[in-house]
Amino acid sequence: MANKREILIPDGYYHIYNRANAEDQLFTEEIEFLLFLKKYFCYSGLIFSTYGYCLLPNHFHFLIQVRPECELNNYIGLFKDEKARSNYLAQHLGNFFNWYATFFNKKHLRKGSLFIHSFHRKPILDQTYLNKLVCYIHANPVKAGLCLKPEEWKFSSYREFVDRPKYLSEKSIAQTLDWFDGLDNFKETHLQHLRSN
């Protein structure tokens, strides 16, 4: 299991994920999925690049890269050490998730924690795992029985690679497809992943 306290370092890639508390849902209607994505990309863009995502009714996944140190310094300034900077970056994401929890609780007249715990961040240390993670994230709705093919799920980045960008930057899409040596291999690798799991 990933350590939710992993240090977030400049240029580092991470799998960010969390789930709803108990049997609760994070998203109950389309507008909630869309609002979460829209706000996430507006809020996170200056400190993270996002390469993949998937929202499901009770949990979510993001594949992110922390911006380079020079960009972070320009945007958030200097910190006394890596831990202080990492805490700031984690708090930045945490503030977004807290905003969504407050919005959701108010809308649904509920109280208490929406998320089961603070978000997890698992470092991605090699290219093989990075490619597997992209496939894993996009396979989630198929494995959950929400659709038959990754491209059928509206709230996943898969469609942005095979159709047209909506939230991901063109740079992120080009970089990700480069990891797979092009779109055809991207699609085939996803099919192989689904067949083997």
Protein backbone atom coordinates (compact mmCIF):
# COMPACT_ATOMS: atom_id res chain seq x y z
CA MET A 1 0.00 0.00 0.00
CA ALA A 2 1.21 3.49 -0.79
CA ASN A 3 2.25 5.80 2.00
CA LYS A 4 -0.05 8.82 1.94
CA ARG A 5 2.83 10.83 3.44
CA GLU A 6 5.28 10.21 0.57
CA ILE A 7 7.33 13.31 -0.21
CA LEU A 8 6.18 15.09 -3.37
CA ILE A 9 9.32 16.10 -5.24
CA PRO A 10 9.72 18.34 -8.32
CA ASP A 11 9.42 16.37 -11.60
CA GLY A 12 8.20 13.31 -9.67
CA TYR A 13 5.34 11.19 -11.01
CA TYR A 14 2.62 10.02 -8.60
CA HIS A 15 -0.53 7.97 -8.53
CA ILE A 16 -3.04 10.04 -6.54
CA TYR A 17 -6.17 8.25 -5.37
CA ASN A 18 -8.88 8.15 -2.74
CA ARG A 19 -12.30 6.67 -2.09
CA ALA A 20 -15.53 7.49 -0.33
CA ASN A 21 -16.09 6.73 3.32
CA ALA A 22 -17.81 3.38 4.00
CA GLU A 23 -20.54 2.70 1.40
CA ASP A 24 -20.93 6.36 0.46
CA GLN A 25 -20.60 7.78 -3.03
CA LEU A 26 -18.40 10.67 -4.14
CA PHE A 27 -20.43 11.37 -7.26
CA THR A 28 -24.15 10.70 -7.66
CA GLU A 29 -24.93 12.54 -10.90
CA GLU A 30 -23.10 13.70 -14.00
CA ILE A 31 -22.86 17.34 -12.92
CA GLU A 32 -20.80 16.31 -9.86
CA PHE A 33 -18.30 14.35 -11.95
CA LEU A 34 -17.95 17.26 -14.35
CA LEU A 35 -17.64 19.92 -11.65
CA PHE A 36 -14.95 17.90 -9.85
CA LEU A 37 -12.91 17.56 -13.05
CA LYS A 38 -13.33 21.18 -14.12
CA LYS A 39 -12.31 22.52 -10.71
CA TYR A 40 -9.45 20.02 -10.33
CA PHE A 41 -7.82 21.08 -13.60
CA CYS A 42 -8.28 24.80 -12.84
CA TYR A 43 -6.90 24.37 -9.34
CA SER A 44 -4.00 21.99 -9.93
CA GLY A 45 -2.51 23.15 -13.22
CA LEU A 46 0.11 25.53 -11.86
CA ILE A 47 1.78 22.93 -9.65
CA PHE A 48 0.94 19.58 -11.30
CA SER A 49 0.76 18.20 -14.83
CA THR A 50 -1.91 15.52 -15.21
CA TYR A 51 -1.43 12.57 -17.58
CA GLY A 52 -4.46 10.46 -16.81
CA TYR A 53 -7.56 10.29 -14.63
CA CYS A 54 -10.66 8.31 -13.90
CA LEU A 55 -13.58 9.15 -11.64
CA LEU A 56 -15.92 6.40 -10.50
CA PRO A 57 -18.97 6.78 -8.25
CA ASN A 58 -17.05 5.91 -5.08
CA HIS A 59 -13.37 6.64 -5.87
CA PHE A 60 -10.96 8.40 -8.20
CA HIS A 61 -7.47 8.08 -9.70
CA PHE A 62 -5.07 10.68 -11.12
CA LEU A 63 -1.63 10.26 -12.68
CA ILE A 64 0.26 13.47 -12.01
CA GLN A 65 3.73 14.92 -12.30
CA VAL A 66 4.90 17.68 -9.97
CA ARG A 67 6.07 20.70 -11.95
CA PRO A 68 9.84 21.34 -12.23
CA GLU A 69 11.52 23.13 -9.34
CA CYS A 70 12.03 26.38 -11.26
CA GLU A 71 8.30 26.59 -12.05
CA LEU A 72 7.34 25.81 -8.45
CA ASN A 73 9.73 28.47 -7.18
CA ASN A 74 8.17 31.03 -9.51
CA TYR A 75 4.65 30.14 -8.44
CA ILE A 76 4.89 29.28 -4.73
CA GLY A 77 8.33 30.56 -3.75
CA LEU A 78 11.19 28.94 -1.88
CA PHE A 79 10.89 26.58 1.10
CA LYS A 80 13.42 25.69 3.76
CA ASP A 81 13.48 22.01 2.69
CA GLU A 82 11.80 19.35 0.54
CA LYS A 83 9.43 18.30 3.31
CA ALA A 84 8.06 21.82 3.76
CA ARG A 85 7.51 22.15 0.00
CA SER A 86 5.90 18.70 -0.16
CA ASN A 87 3.56 19.60 2.69
CA TYR A 88 2.51 22.72 0.83
CA LEU A 89 1.82 20.76 -2.37
CA ALA A 90 -0.13 18.10 -0.48
CA GLN A 91 -2.12 20.77 1.33
CA HIS A 92 -2.90 22.40 -2.01
CA LEU A 93 -4.52 19.17 -3.21
CA GLY A 94 -6.05 18.56 0.20
CA ASN A 95 -7.74 21.96 0.08
CA PHE A 96 -9.34 21.05 -3.23
CA PHE A 97 -10.64 17.73 -1.89
CA ASN A 98 -11.95 19.51 1.23
CA TRP A 99 -13.74 22.02 -0.98
CA TYR A 100 -15.45 19.20 -2.87
CA ALA A 101 -16.44 17.40 0.35
CA THR A 102 -17.98 20.62 1.69
CA PHE A 103 -19.85 21.18 -1.57
CA PHE A 104 -21.10 17.58 -1.67
CA ASN A 105 -22.17 17.51 1.98
CA LYS A 106 -24.07 20.78 1.65
CA LYS A 107 -25.78 19.66 -1.54
CA HIS A 108 -26.83 16.31 -0.10
CA LEU A 109 -27.55 17.54 3.43
CA ARG A 110 -25.02 15.13 4.90
CA LYS A 111 -22.46 15.49 7.67
CA GLY A 112 -19.15 13.87 8.43
CA SER A 113 -16.16 12.77 6.39
CA LEU A 114 -16.81 12.18 2.70
CA PHE A 115 -13.43 10.55 2.04
CA ILE A 116 -12.26 7.48 3.92
CA HIS A 117 -8.85 9.10 4.60
CA SER A 118 -6.58 11.79 3.23
CA PHE A 119 -5.51 11.06 -0.32
CA HIS A 120 -2.79 8.55 -1.12
CA ARG A 121 0.19 9.35 -3.30
CA LYS A 122 2.25 6.52 -4.66
CA PRO A 123 5.52 7.43 -6.40
CA ILE A 124 6.09 6.00 -9.88
CA LEU A 125 9.73 5.09 -10.26
CA ASP A 126 10.04 3.40 -13.67
CA GLN A 127 8.58 3.54 -17.15
CA THR A 128 7.10 0.03 -17.06
CA TYR A 129 5.00 0.83 -14.02
CA LEU A 130 4.04 4.20 -15.49
CA ASN A 131 2.59 2.53 -18.59
CA LYS A 132 0.82 -0.12 -16.50
CA LEU A 133 -0.70 2.59 -14.34
CA VAL A 134 -2.14 4.43 -17.33
CA CYS A 135 -3.86 1.19 -18.41
CA TYR A 136 -4.93 0.39 -14.84
CA ILE A 137 -6.56 3.80 -14.40
CA HIS A 138 -8.49 3.54 -17.67
CA ALA A 139 -9.54 -0.07 -17.00
CA ASN A 140 -11.27 0.79 -13.70
CA PRO A 141 -14.79 1.42 -15.03
CA VAL A 142 -14.67 -1.76 -17.14
CA LYS A 143 -13.58 -3.85 -14.15
CA ALA A 144 -16.30 -2.24 -12.05
CA GLY A 145 -18.92 -3.28 -14.61
CA LEU A 146 -19.83 0.31 -15.48
CA CYS A 147 -19.04 -0.11 -19.18
CA LEU A 148 -17.70 -2.68 -21.64
CA LYS A 149 -14.87 -0.60 -23.13
CA PRO A 150 -12.72 2.20 -21.66
CA GLU A 151 -13.88 4.66 -24.30
CA GLU A 152 -17.49 4.29 -23.13
CA TRP A 153 -16.83 5.87 -19.72
CA LYS A 154 -17.35 9.65 -19.79
CA PHE A 155 -15.28 10.47 -16.74
CA SER A 156 -11.94 9.03 -17.77
CA SER A 157 -9.07 10.46 -19.76
CA TYR A 158 -9.09 7.51 -22.21
CA ARG A 159 -11.48 9.33 -24.54
CA GLU A 160 -9.17 12.33 -24.65
CA PHE A 161 -6.45 10.19 -26.21
CA VAL A 162 -8.63 8.51 -28.84
CA ASP A 163 -11.05 11.34 -29.60
CA ARG A 164 -10.24 14.91 -28.57
CA PRO A 165 -8.75 16.71 -25.55
CA LYS A 166 -11.08 18.21 -22.97
CA TYR A 167 -9.11 18.60 -19.74
CA LEU A 168 -5.65 17.22 -20.48
CA SER A 169 -3.16 19.49 -22.19
CA GLU A 170 -2.01 18.62 -25.69
CA LYS A 171 1.49 18.33 -24.26
CA SER A 172 0.36 15.72 -21.70
CA ILE A 173 -1.46 13.74 -24.36
CA ALA A 174 1.53 13.80 -26.73
CA GLN A 175 3.89 12.77 -23.93
CA THR A 176 1.66 9.88 -22.84
CA LEU A 177 1.23 8.59 -26.38
CA ASP A 178 5.00 8.79 -26.78
CA TRP A 179 5.37 6.44 -23.77
CA PHE A 180 3.30 3.92 -25.75
CA ASP A 181 4.99 4.59 -29.11
CA GLY A 182 1.82 6.01 -30.60
CA LEU A 183 -1.96 5.79 -30.47
CA ASP A 184 -2.28 2.33 -32.05
CA ASN A 185 0.00 0.76 -29.44
CA PHE A 186 -1.76 2.77 -26.72
CA LYS A 187 -5.05 1.14 -27.69
CA GLU A 188 -3.53 -2.33 -28.07
CA THR A 189 -1.74 -2.17 -24.73
CA HIS A 190 -5.03 -1.28 -23.04
CA LEU A 191 -6.74 -4.25 -24.69
CA GLN A 192 -3.95 -6.55 -23.53
CA HIS A 193 -4.24 -5.18 -20.01
CA LEU A 194 -7.98 -5.82 -19.93
CA ARG A 195 -7.56 -9.36 -21.28
CA SER A 196 -4.88 -10.23 -18.72
CA ASN A 197 -6.76 -8.93 -15.66
